[in-house]
Amino acid sequence: MKTARSMAGVWIDHSRAVIATLTDRGEKTMQILSHVDRQPRRIDGQVSRTVEPVAIDDKAMRSYHAHLNKYYDKVIAAFPRAGSVLIFGPGMAKQELAARIGKKRFSGRVVGVETTDKMTERQITARVRRHFAA
């Protein structure tokens, strides 16, 4: 039995990821929510308006990063057979996901990491189709 050639595009930020998977048999889009709270603030909950350094609660930061890593692992699990992956999005999550993929020994699959604005699912799928058609 012949397996379908698969390519994936991932639009990602810290709150959600939209994965568009393209195969010879068609395309599929899915969304994964992170359910992560915003990045932890300073210990007293106040943002410093001075130049002096303010300590950040290490426990809260470790918890935040552990939650993001679980989120990234769920995203990676959504395209297990993709031979090529394009990652794009507005913030730092795209680089963090690419680094996480590298730690999972799939780094050769990442064909690009690009900065884009917020997009609809239709725009994401069209972007992935255009990228892999070229």
N, C-alpha and C. Protein backbone atom coordinates (compact mmCIF):
# COMPACT_ATOMS: atom_id res chain seq x y z
N MET A 1 0.84 -1.18 0.00
CA MET A 1 0.00 0.00 0.00
C MET A 1 0.89 1.25 0.00
N LYS A 2 0.62 2.16 -0.90
CA LYS A 2 1.40 3.39 -1.00
C LYS A 2 0.88 4.42 0.00
N THR A 3 1.81 5.09 0.70
CA THR A 3 1.40 6.12 1.65
C THR A 3 1.36 7.47 0.95
N ALA A 4 0.51 8.34 1.43
CA ALA A 4 0.36 9.66 0.83
C ALA A 4 1.50 10.57 1.26
N ARG A 5 1.98 11.40 0.32
CA ARG A 5 2.99 12.40 0.62
C ARG A 5 2.32 13.48 1.46
N SER A 6 2.97 13.89 2.53
CA SER A 6 2.34 14.83 3.45
C SER A 6 3.24 16.02 3.74
N MET A 7 2.62 17.20 3.74
CA MET A 7 3.30 18.45 4.10
C MET A 7 2.40 19.18 5.08
N ALA A 8 3.00 19.92 5.98
CA ALA A 8 2.20 20.63 6.98
C ALA A 8 2.68 22.06 7.12
N GLY A 9 1.72 22.92 7.42
CA GLY A 9 2.01 24.30 7.76
C GLY A 9 1.39 24.58 9.12
N VAL A 10 2.14 25.27 9.97
CA VAL A 10 1.66 25.56 11.32
C VAL A 10 1.71 27.07 11.56
N TRP A 11 0.53 27.68 11.73
CA TRP A 11 0.47 29.06 12.18
C TRP A 11 0.33 28.97 13.70
N ILE A 12 1.22 29.65 14.44
CA ILE A 12 1.22 29.47 15.89
C ILE A 12 1.51 30.77 16.63
N ASP A 13 0.82 30.93 17.74
CA ASP A 13 1.19 31.92 18.75
C ASP A 13 1.03 31.23 20.10
N HIS A 14 1.18 31.94 21.19
CA HIS A 14 1.14 31.29 22.50
C HIS A 14 -0.26 30.86 22.92
N SER A 15 -1.30 31.30 22.22
CA SER A 15 -2.65 30.91 22.62
C SER A 15 -3.25 29.80 21.76
N ARG A 16 -2.87 29.74 20.47
CA ARG A 16 -3.43 28.69 19.61
C ARG A 16 -2.50 28.38 18.46
N ALA A 17 -2.72 27.19 17.91
CA ALA A 17 -2.00 26.77 16.72
C ALA A 17 -3.02 26.25 15.71
N VAL A 18 -2.83 26.60 14.46
CA VAL A 18 -3.66 26.08 13.38
C VAL A 18 -2.73 25.29 12.47
N ILE A 19 -3.04 24.00 12.32
CA ILE A 19 -2.21 23.11 11.52
C ILE A 19 -2.97 22.77 10.25
N ALA A 20 -2.35 23.06 9.11
CA ALA A 20 -2.92 22.70 7.81
C ALA A 20 -2.04 21.60 7.23
N THR A 21 -2.63 20.42 7.03
CA THR A 21 -1.90 19.28 6.48
C THR A 21 -2.37 19.02 5.06
N LEU A 22 -1.41 18.94 4.15
CA LEU A 22 -1.72 18.68 2.74
C LEU A 22 -1.15 17.33 2.36
N THR A 23 -1.99 16.50 1.73
CA THR A 23 -1.53 15.21 1.22
C THR A 23 -2.02 15.05 -0.21
N ASP A 24 -1.62 13.97 -0.84
CA ASP A 24 -2.10 13.67 -2.19
C ASP A 24 -3.61 13.41 -2.18
N ARG A 25 -4.13 13.06 -1.03
CA ARG A 25 -5.55 12.73 -0.90
C ARG A 25 -6.42 13.93 -0.53
N GLY A 26 -5.82 15.08 -0.19
CA GLY A 26 -6.60 16.25 0.18
C GLY A 26 -5.92 17.06 1.27
N GLU A 27 -6.70 17.90 1.90
CA GLU A 27 -6.16 18.73 2.96
C GLU A 27 -7.04 18.68 4.20
N LYS A 28 -6.40 18.95 5.33
CA LYS A 28 -7.10 18.91 6.61
C LYS A 28 -6.56 20.04 7.47
N THR A 29 -7.46 20.70 8.18
CA THR A 29 -7.06 21.77 9.08
C THR A 29 -7.57 21.46 10.48
N MET A 30 -6.72 21.69 11.47
CA MET A 30 -7.14 21.51 12.86
C MET A 30 -6.56 22.62 13.70
N GLN A 31 -7.19 22.87 14.83
CA GLN A 31 -6.76 23.91 15.74
C GLN A 31 -6.48 23.32 17.12
N ILE A 32 -5.40 23.77 17.74
CA ILE A 32 -5.05 23.34 19.10
C ILE A 32 -4.92 24.60 19.95
N LEU A 33 -5.65 24.63 21.05
CA LEU A 33 -5.57 25.75 21.99
C LEU A 33 -4.57 25.43 23.08
N SER A 34 -3.82 26.43 23.52
CA SER A 34 -2.80 26.17 24.54
C SER A 34 -3.36 26.21 25.96
N HIS A 35 -4.38 27.00 26.19
CA HIS A 35 -4.94 27.19 27.53
C HIS A 35 -3.88 27.67 28.51
N VAL A 36 -2.89 28.37 28.02
CA VAL A 36 -1.83 28.89 28.87
C VAL A 36 -2.19 30.33 29.25
N ASP A 37 -1.94 30.66 30.50
CA ASP A 37 -2.14 32.03 30.93
C ASP A 37 -1.03 32.88 30.36
N ARG A 38 -1.19 34.17 30.47
CA ARG A 38 -0.13 35.06 30.01
C ARG A 38 1.15 34.79 30.76
N GLN A 39 2.24 35.24 30.16
CA GLN A 39 3.55 35.05 30.79
C GLN A 39 3.53 35.68 32.18
N PRO A 40 4.08 34.98 33.19
CA PRO A 40 4.05 35.50 34.56
C PRO A 40 4.70 36.88 34.66
N ARG A 41 4.10 37.71 35.49
CA ARG A 41 4.63 39.05 35.74
C ARG A 41 5.56 39.03 36.93
N ARG A 42 5.89 40.18 37.38
CA ARG A 42 6.77 40.30 38.53
C ARG A 42 6.11 39.73 39.78
N ILE A 43 6.89 39.49 40.82
CA ILE A 43 6.41 38.85 42.04
C ILE A 43 5.19 39.54 42.62
N ASP A 44 5.21 40.86 42.70
CA ASP A 44 4.10 41.59 43.32
C ASP A 44 2.98 41.91 42.33
N GLY A 45 3.10 41.44 41.10
CA GLY A 45 2.07 41.67 40.11
C GLY A 45 2.17 43.02 39.43
N GLN A 46 3.14 43.82 39.79
CA GLN A 46 3.32 45.14 39.22
C GLN A 46 4.41 45.13 38.16
N VAL A 47 4.21 45.86 37.11
CA VAL A 47 5.25 46.03 36.10
C VAL A 47 6.09 47.21 36.54
N SER A 48 7.39 47.02 36.60
CA SER A 48 8.29 48.07 37.04
C SER A 48 8.37 49.18 36.00
N ARG A 49 8.30 50.41 36.44
CA ARG A 49 8.44 51.55 35.55
C ARG A 49 9.83 52.19 35.70
N THR A 50 10.68 51.55 36.49
CA THR A 50 12.03 52.05 36.67
C THR A 50 13.02 51.18 35.91
N VAL A 51 14.26 51.59 35.88
CA VAL A 51 15.28 50.85 35.15
C VAL A 51 15.83 49.69 35.97
N GLU A 52 15.67 49.73 37.27
CA GLU A 52 16.24 48.70 38.14
C GLU A 52 15.63 47.32 37.86
N PRO A 53 16.44 46.26 37.96
CA PRO A 53 15.92 44.91 37.69
C PRO A 53 14.92 44.47 38.76
N VAL A 54 13.91 43.73 38.32
CA VAL A 54 12.89 43.21 39.23
C VAL A 54 12.88 41.70 39.09
N ALA A 55 12.93 40.99 40.21
CA ALA A 55 12.95 39.53 40.18
C ALA A 55 11.62 38.97 39.68
N ILE A 56 11.69 37.90 38.96
CA ILE A 56 10.50 37.21 38.48
C ILE A 56 10.39 35.90 39.26
N ASP A 57 9.19 35.52 39.60
CA ASP A 57 8.95 34.30 40.35
C ASP A 57 9.38 33.10 39.51
N ASP A 58 10.47 32.42 39.94
CA ASP A 58 11.02 31.30 39.18
C ASP A 58 10.03 30.14 39.05
N LYS A 59 9.29 29.87 40.09
CA LYS A 59 8.33 28.76 40.06
C LYS A 59 7.26 29.01 39.00
N ALA A 60 6.76 30.24 38.95
CA ALA A 60 5.73 30.58 37.96
C ALA A 60 6.30 30.49 36.55
N MET A 61 7.54 30.93 36.35
CA MET A 61 8.16 30.85 35.02
C MET A 61 8.38 29.40 34.60
N ARG A 62 8.84 28.56 35.53
CA ARG A 62 9.05 27.15 35.20
C ARG A 62 7.72 26.50 34.83
N SER A 63 6.68 26.81 35.56
CA SER A 63 5.35 26.26 35.27
C SER A 63 4.86 26.73 33.90
N TYR A 64 5.07 27.99 33.60
CA TYR A 64 4.66 28.57 32.32
C TYR A 64 5.38 27.85 31.17
N HIS A 65 6.69 27.69 31.28
CA HIS A 65 7.46 27.04 30.21
C HIS A 65 7.13 25.55 30.10
N ALA A 66 6.86 24.89 31.21
CA ALA A 66 6.46 23.48 31.16
C ALA A 66 5.12 23.35 30.43
N HIS A 67 4.20 24.26 30.70
CA HIS A 67 2.90 24.23 30.02
C HIS A 67 3.06 24.48 28.52
N LEU A 68 3.91 25.46 28.17
CA LEU A 68 4.16 25.71 26.74
C LEU A 68 4.78 24.50 26.06
N ASN A 69 5.71 23.81 26.72
CA ASN A 69 6.34 22.63 26.12
C ASN A 69 5.32 21.53 25.88
N LYS A 70 4.36 21.34 26.78
CA LYS A 70 3.29 20.36 26.56
C LYS A 70 2.45 20.77 25.35
N TYR A 71 2.16 22.06 25.25
CA TYR A 71 1.41 22.59 24.12
C TYR A 71 2.15 22.33 22.81
N TYR A 72 3.45 22.62 22.78
CA TYR A 72 4.25 22.39 21.57
C TYR A 72 4.29 20.91 21.22
N ASP A 73 4.36 20.03 22.21
CA ASP A 73 4.36 18.59 21.95
C ASP A 73 3.04 18.14 21.33
N LYS A 74 1.91 18.73 21.78
CA LYS A 74 0.62 18.42 21.17
C LYS A 74 0.59 18.86 19.71
N VAL A 75 1.15 20.03 19.45
CA VAL A 75 1.18 20.54 18.08
C VAL A 75 2.02 19.61 17.20
N ILE A 76 3.20 19.22 17.68
CA ILE A 76 4.07 18.32 16.92
C ILE A 76 3.38 16.98 16.65
N ALA A 77 2.64 16.49 17.62
CA ALA A 77 1.93 15.21 17.47
C ALA A 77 0.82 15.29 16.42
N ALA A 78 0.40 16.49 16.04
CA ALA A 78 -0.68 16.65 15.07
C ALA A 78 -0.23 16.40 13.64
N PHE A 79 1.07 16.39 13.37
CA PHE A 79 1.56 16.12 12.02
C PHE A 79 2.71 15.11 12.05
N PRO A 80 2.46 13.89 12.55
CA PRO A 80 3.54 12.92 12.74
C PRO A 80 4.18 12.42 11.45
N ARG A 81 3.46 12.43 10.35
CA ARG A 81 4.00 11.87 9.10
C ARG A 81 4.39 12.93 8.09
N ALA A 82 4.36 14.19 8.49
CA ALA A 82 4.69 15.25 7.55
C ALA A 82 6.18 15.21 7.22
N GLY A 83 6.47 15.18 5.94
CA GLY A 83 7.86 15.19 5.51
C GLY A 83 8.47 16.58 5.52
N SER A 84 7.61 17.61 5.35
CA SER A 84 8.05 19.00 5.34
C SER A 84 7.08 19.83 6.16
N VAL A 85 7.64 20.75 6.96
CA VAL A 85 6.81 21.58 7.83
C VAL A 85 7.22 23.04 7.68
N LEU A 86 6.25 23.90 7.42
CA LEU A 86 6.44 25.35 7.40
C LEU A 86 5.84 25.90 8.68
N ILE A 87 6.59 26.70 9.42
CA ILE A 87 6.10 27.28 10.67
C ILE A 87 6.05 28.79 10.49
N PHE A 88 4.91 29.39 10.84
CA PHE A 88 4.79 30.83 10.73
C PHE A 88 3.84 31.36 11.79
N GLY A 89 3.94 32.65 12.06
CA GLY A 89 3.11 33.28 13.07
C GLY A 89 3.66 34.62 13.48
N PRO A 90 2.96 35.32 14.39
CA PRO A 90 3.33 36.70 14.72
C PRO A 90 4.38 36.88 15.81
N GLY A 91 4.57 35.94 16.69
CA GLY A 91 5.45 36.16 17.84
C GLY A 91 6.59 35.18 17.94
N MET A 92 7.04 34.95 19.16
CA MET A 92 8.17 34.07 19.43
C MET A 92 7.81 32.59 19.43
N ALA A 93 6.55 32.26 19.46
CA ALA A 93 6.13 30.86 19.53
C ALA A 93 6.65 30.05 18.35
N LYS A 94 6.76 30.67 17.18
CA LYS A 94 7.23 29.93 16.01
C LYS A 94 8.67 29.47 16.19
N GLN A 95 9.54 30.33 16.73
CA GLN A 95 10.93 29.92 16.98
C GLN A 95 11.00 28.88 18.10
N GLU A 96 10.15 29.06 19.12
CA GLU A 96 10.13 28.10 20.22
C GLU A 96 9.68 26.73 19.73
N LEU A 97 8.67 26.68 18.84
CA LEU A 97 8.22 25.41 18.27
C LEU A 97 9.31 24.79 17.41
N ALA A 98 9.98 25.59 16.60
CA ALA A 98 11.06 25.07 15.76
C ALA A 98 12.18 24.48 16.63
N ALA A 99 12.50 25.14 17.72
CA ALA A 99 13.52 24.62 18.64
C ALA A 99 13.05 23.32 19.28
N ARG A 100 11.78 23.25 19.64
CA ARG A 100 11.23 22.03 20.24
C ARG A 100 11.25 20.88 19.23
N ILE A 101 10.95 21.16 17.98
CA ILE A 101 11.01 20.14 16.93
C ILE A 101 12.44 19.64 16.79
N GLY A 102 13.41 20.55 16.87
CA GLY A 102 14.82 20.18 16.80
C GLY A 102 15.21 19.26 17.94
N LYS A 103 14.68 19.50 19.13
CA LYS A 103 14.96 18.64 20.29
C LYS A 103 14.34 17.26 20.11
N LYS A 104 13.26 17.19 19.34
CA LYS A 104 12.59 15.92 19.09
C LYS A 104 13.20 15.18 17.91
N ARG A 105 14.30 15.71 17.38
CA ARG A 105 15.03 15.12 16.26
C ARG A 105 14.23 15.09 14.94
N PHE A 106 13.39 16.09 14.75
CA PHE A 106 12.66 16.23 13.50
C PHE A 106 13.06 17.50 12.77
N SER A 107 14.18 18.11 13.17
CA SER A 107 14.54 19.43 12.65
C SER A 107 14.72 19.45 11.13
N GLY A 108 15.09 18.35 10.52
CA GLY A 108 15.26 18.30 9.07
C GLY A 108 13.96 18.49 8.32
N ARG A 109 12.84 18.35 9.01
CA ARG A 109 11.55 18.51 8.37
C ARG A 109 11.13 19.97 8.23
N VAL A 110 11.68 20.85 9.06
CA VAL A 110 11.29 22.27 9.03
C VAL A 110 11.92 22.93 7.81
N VAL A 111 11.06 23.40 6.89
CA VAL A 111 11.55 24.02 5.67
C VAL A 111 11.55 25.54 5.74
N GLY A 112 10.97 26.09 6.78
CA GLY A 112 10.96 27.54 6.92
C GLY A 112 10.27 27.99 8.19
N VAL A 113 10.74 29.12 8.70
CA VAL A 113 10.11 29.78 9.85
C VAL A 113 9.94 31.24 9.44
N GLU A 114 8.69 31.69 9.37
CA GLU A 114 8.40 33.02 8.83
C GLU A 114 7.49 33.80 9.77
N THR A 115 7.64 35.12 9.72
CA THR A 115 6.80 36.01 10.52
C THR A 115 5.60 36.46 9.69
N THR A 116 4.42 36.27 10.25
CA THR A 116 3.18 36.72 9.61
C THR A 116 2.26 37.31 10.68
N ASP A 117 1.24 38.01 10.23
CA ASP A 117 0.24 38.54 11.14
C ASP A 117 -0.78 37.46 11.46
N LYS A 118 -1.79 37.84 12.23
CA LYS A 118 -2.88 36.91 12.50
C LYS A 118 -3.56 36.58 11.18
N MET A 119 -4.01 35.32 11.06
CA MET A 119 -4.62 34.86 9.82
C MET A 119 -5.83 33.99 10.12
N THR A 120 -6.77 33.92 9.18
CA THR A 120 -7.89 33.00 9.31
C THR A 120 -7.43 31.61 8.87
N GLU A 121 -8.24 30.60 9.15
CA GLU A 121 -7.89 29.24 8.74
C GLU A 121 -7.77 29.14 7.21
N ARG A 122 -8.65 29.81 6.50
CA ARG A 122 -8.60 29.78 5.02
C ARG A 122 -7.31 30.43 4.52
N GLN A 123 -6.90 31.54 5.15
CA GLN A 123 -5.66 32.20 4.75
C GLN A 123 -4.45 31.32 5.05
N ILE A 124 -4.51 30.63 6.18
CA ILE A 124 -3.40 29.74 6.57
C ILE A 124 -3.27 28.60 5.56
N THR A 125 -4.38 27.97 5.23
CA THR A 125 -4.35 26.86 4.27
C THR A 125 -3.86 27.34 2.91
N ALA A 126 -4.32 28.51 2.47
CA ALA A 126 -3.88 29.05 1.19
C ALA A 126 -2.38 29.35 1.22
N ARG A 127 -1.89 29.88 2.32
CA ARG A 127 -0.45 30.19 2.47
C ARG A 127 0.38 28.91 2.37
N VAL A 128 -0.08 27.85 3.02
CA VAL A 128 0.64 26.56 2.99
C VAL A 128 0.61 25.99 1.58
N ARG A 129 -0.54 26.04 0.92
CA ARG A 129 -0.64 25.55 -0.46
C ARG A 129 0.32 26.29 -1.38
N ARG A 130 0.36 27.63 -1.27
CA ARG A 130 1.25 28.44 -2.11
C ARG A 130 2.72 28.08 -1.85
N HIS A 131 3.07 27.93 -0.57
CA HIS A 131 4.46 27.65 -0.23
C HIS A 131 4.92 26.32 -0.83
N PHE A 132 4.11 25.29 -0.70
CA PHE A 132 4.53 23.98 -1.18
C PHE A 132 4.29 23.78 -2.67
N ALA A 133 3.52 24.65 -3.31
CA ALA A 133 3.34 24.57 -4.76
C ALA A 133 4.57 25.13 -5.49
N ALA A 134 5.27 26.03 -4.83
CA ALA A 134 6.45 26.68 -5.45
C ALA A 134 7.62 25.73 -5.56
